[in-house]
């Protein structure tokens, strides 16, 4: 399998958080050649994620554009996806886009209650609503700079 196909699939953007690729998110588990076809394994951020159909279609299109018309997409839910799979680059991209990245799920008991504001860095924030523009984000407000911001929920 060519590196071109692997790179094309890894570059597929998440339709809900377009600053991140599926590789940044950690939902791309593997890209392999099996029985003459490319097999792409992905893990959804959660089982009911509405973006998965778009992601699958974009994976097929990316592989085809890279010269591989025969693609099998396998969805694996074990182990379940966690925000700990976000790359450091993904966390930085979220911050630049004004979305507070999630704390590590492994460190939850040690982290402050509110996320740091991606604009001013203050941890003095309050949740406005558990439901943001997508199911994986919540809406928060910074008490220091008074700006609202989205926070990617820990999962």
Protein backbone atom coordinates (compact mmCIF):
# COMPACT_ATOMS: atom_id res chain seq x y z
CA UNK A 1 0.00 0.00 0.00
CA UNK A 2 1.31 3.38 -0.84
CA UNK A 3 2.15 6.01 1.73
CA UNK A 4 0.03 8.30 -0.43
CA UNK A 5 -3.15 6.35 0.44
CA UNK A 6 -2.28 6.26 4.15
CA UNK A 7 -1.58 10.02 4.18
CA UNK A 8 -4.78 10.80 2.25
CA UNK A 9 -6.93 8.81 4.67
CA UNK A 10 -5.19 10.27 7.74
CA UNK A 11 -5.84 13.80 6.43
CA UNK A 12 -9.64 13.35 6.30
CA UNK A 13 -11.20 16.15 8.36
CA UNK A 14 -13.75 15.67 11.10
CA UNK A 15 -16.93 17.30 9.75
CA UNK A 16 -17.93 18.62 13.19
CA UNK A 17 -14.53 19.94 14.29
CA UNK A 18 -12.96 20.80 10.96
CA UNK A 19 -9.62 21.93 12.43
CA UNK A 20 -8.92 18.27 13.26
CA UNK A 21 -8.20 15.30 11.02
CA UNK A 22 -9.37 11.82 11.93
CA UNK A 23 -5.72 11.03 12.75
CA UNK A 24 -5.53 14.06 15.10
CA UNK A 25 -8.68 12.86 16.83
CA UNK A 26 -7.34 9.36 17.26
CA UNK A 27 -10.35 7.74 15.61
CA UNK A 28 -8.17 6.41 12.77
CA UNK A 29 -6.89 3.14 14.20
CA UNK A 30 -5.17 1.59 11.20
CA UNK A 31 -4.76 1.59 7.43
CA UNK A 32 -3.62 -1.76 6.05
CA UNK A 33 -3.55 -3.76 2.84
CA UNK A 34 -5.48 -7.06 3.06
CA UNK A 35 -6.39 -9.37 0.18
CA UNK A 36 -5.69 -6.65 -2.39
CA UNK A 37 -7.79 -3.96 -0.78
CA UNK A 38 -7.16 -1.19 1.70
CA UNK A 39 -8.77 -1.83 5.08
CA UNK A 40 -9.29 1.24 7.24
CA UNK A 41 -10.23 0.72 10.88
CA UNK A 42 -11.88 3.57 12.76
CA UNK A 43 -13.35 3.97 16.23
CA UNK A 44 -16.20 6.46 16.66
CA UNK A 45 -15.94 9.05 19.40
CA UNK A 46 -19.22 7.60 20.63
CA UNK A 47 -21.55 5.00 19.14
CA UNK A 48 -24.25 7.46 18.07
CA UNK A 49 -21.88 9.98 16.49
CA UNK A 50 -23.78 11.50 13.54
CA UNK A 51 -20.53 12.41 11.74
CA UNK A 52 -19.48 8.79 11.12
CA UNK A 53 -21.37 8.39 7.83
CA UNK A 54 -19.71 11.54 6.46
CA UNK A 55 -16.30 10.36 7.73
CA UNK A 56 -16.74 6.97 6.03
CA UNK A 57 -17.69 8.66 2.73
CA UNK A 58 -14.72 11.03 3.02
CA UNK A 59 -12.36 8.10 3.70
CA UNK A 60 -13.60 6.35 0.55
CA UNK A 61 -13.19 9.54 -1.50
CA UNK A 62 -9.69 10.19 -0.12
CA UNK A 63 -8.55 6.64 -0.89
CA UNK A 64 -10.02 6.83 -4.41
CA UNK A 65 -8.30 10.18 -5.04
CA UNK A 66 -5.03 8.59 -3.88
CA UNK A 67 -5.42 5.77 -6.42
CA UNK A 68 -7.11 3.07 -4.36
CA UNK A 69 -10.66 2.29 -5.45
CA UNK A 70 -11.14 -0.81 -3.25
CA UNK A 71 -11.60 0.23 0.39
CA UNK A 72 -13.16 -1.60 3.29
CA UNK A 73 -13.97 0.48 6.35
CA UNK A 74 -14.19 -1.40 9.64
CA UNK A 75 -15.75 0.27 12.65
CA UNK A 76 -14.36 -0.99 15.93
CA UNK A 77 -15.83 -0.02 19.29
CA UNK A 78 -13.33 -1.95 21.37
CA UNK A 79 -11.53 -0.44 23.05
CA UNK A 80 -13.86 2.54 23.19
CA UNK A 81 -12.50 5.90 22.05
CA UNK A 82 -11.27 8.29 24.71
CA UNK A 83 -10.19 11.91 24.56
CA UNK A 84 -6.80 10.65 25.75
CA UNK A 85 -6.30 9.55 22.12
CA UNK A 86 -6.21 13.18 20.97
CA UNK A 87 -2.71 14.03 19.80
CA UNK A 88 -0.80 16.95 21.27
CA UNK A 89 -1.17 18.61 17.88
CA UNK A 90 -4.95 18.15 18.10
CA UNK A 91 -5.07 19.80 21.53
CA UNK A 92 -3.05 22.75 20.20
CA UNK A 93 -5.29 23.06 17.11
CA UNK A 94 -8.39 23.08 19.32
CA UNK A 95 -6.97 25.90 21.44
CA UNK A 96 -6.05 27.97 18.39
CA UNK A 97 -9.60 27.49 17.08
CA UNK A 98 -11.02 28.79 20.37
CA UNK A 99 -12.11 25.38 21.68
CA UNK A 100 -10.78 24.39 25.10
CA UNK A 101 -9.22 20.93 24.80
CA UNK A 102 -10.33 18.28 27.28
CA UNK A 103 -8.32 17.34 30.32
CA UNK A 104 -6.84 13.87 30.31
CA UNK A 105 -9.44 11.32 31.39
CA UNK A 106 -6.67 9.66 33.42
CA UNK A 107 -6.10 12.87 35.41
CA UNK A 108 -9.71 13.88 36.05
CA UNK A 109 -9.56 13.72 39.86
CA UNK A 110 -6.52 16.02 39.75
CA UNK A 111 -7.86 18.66 37.35
CA UNK A 112 -9.79 21.82 38.24
CA UNK A 113 -13.54 21.84 37.74
CA UNK A 114 -13.56 24.27 34.81
CA UNK A 115 -11.47 24.29 31.64
CA UNK A 116 -9.02 27.10 30.96
CA UNK A 117 -10.29 29.76 28.58
CA UNK A 118 -8.61 29.27 25.18
CA UNK A 119 -8.54 33.05 24.69
CA UNK A 120 -7.02 34.39 27.92
CA UNK A 121 -5.94 31.22 29.76
CA UNK A 122 -7.97 31.88 32.90
CA UNK A 123 -9.33 28.82 34.69
CA UNK A 124 -12.12 30.93 36.18
CA UNK A 125 -14.86 29.63 33.91
CA UNK A 126 -18.45 28.48 34.24
CA UNK A 127 -20.48 26.02 32.21
CA UNK A 128 -23.39 27.71 30.45
CA UNK A 129 -24.86 24.56 28.94
CA UNK A 130 -23.76 20.94 28.68
CA UNK A 131 -24.84 20.97 25.07
CA UNK A 132 -22.73 22.83 22.51
CA UNK A 133 -22.76 22.99 18.72
CA UNK A 134 -22.02 19.23 18.62
CA UNK A 135 -22.66 16.41 21.08
CA UNK A 136 -18.98 16.27 22.01
CA UNK A 137 -18.76 19.94 23.07
CA UNK A 138 -20.25 22.08 25.85
CA UNK A 139 -20.60 25.87 26.04
CA UNK A 140 -18.63 27.67 28.77
CA UNK A 141 -17.95 31.30 29.65
CA UNK A 142 -14.78 32.85 31.01
CA UNK A 143 -15.34 35.03 34.07
CA UNK A 144 -12.07 36.91 33.44
CA UNK A 145 -12.41 38.01 29.80
CA UNK A 146 -16.19 37.38 29.69
CA UNK A 147 -15.91 35.54 26.38
CA UNK A 148 -17.94 32.39 25.70
CA UNK A 149 -16.05 29.35 24.42
CA UNK A 150 -16.65 25.73 23.55
CA UNK A 151 -15.08 22.94 25.56
CA UNK A 152 -14.50 19.47 24.15
CA UNK A 153 -15.96 17.12 26.73
CA UNK A 154 -13.82 14.47 28.38
CA UNK A 155 -14.76 11.04 27.15
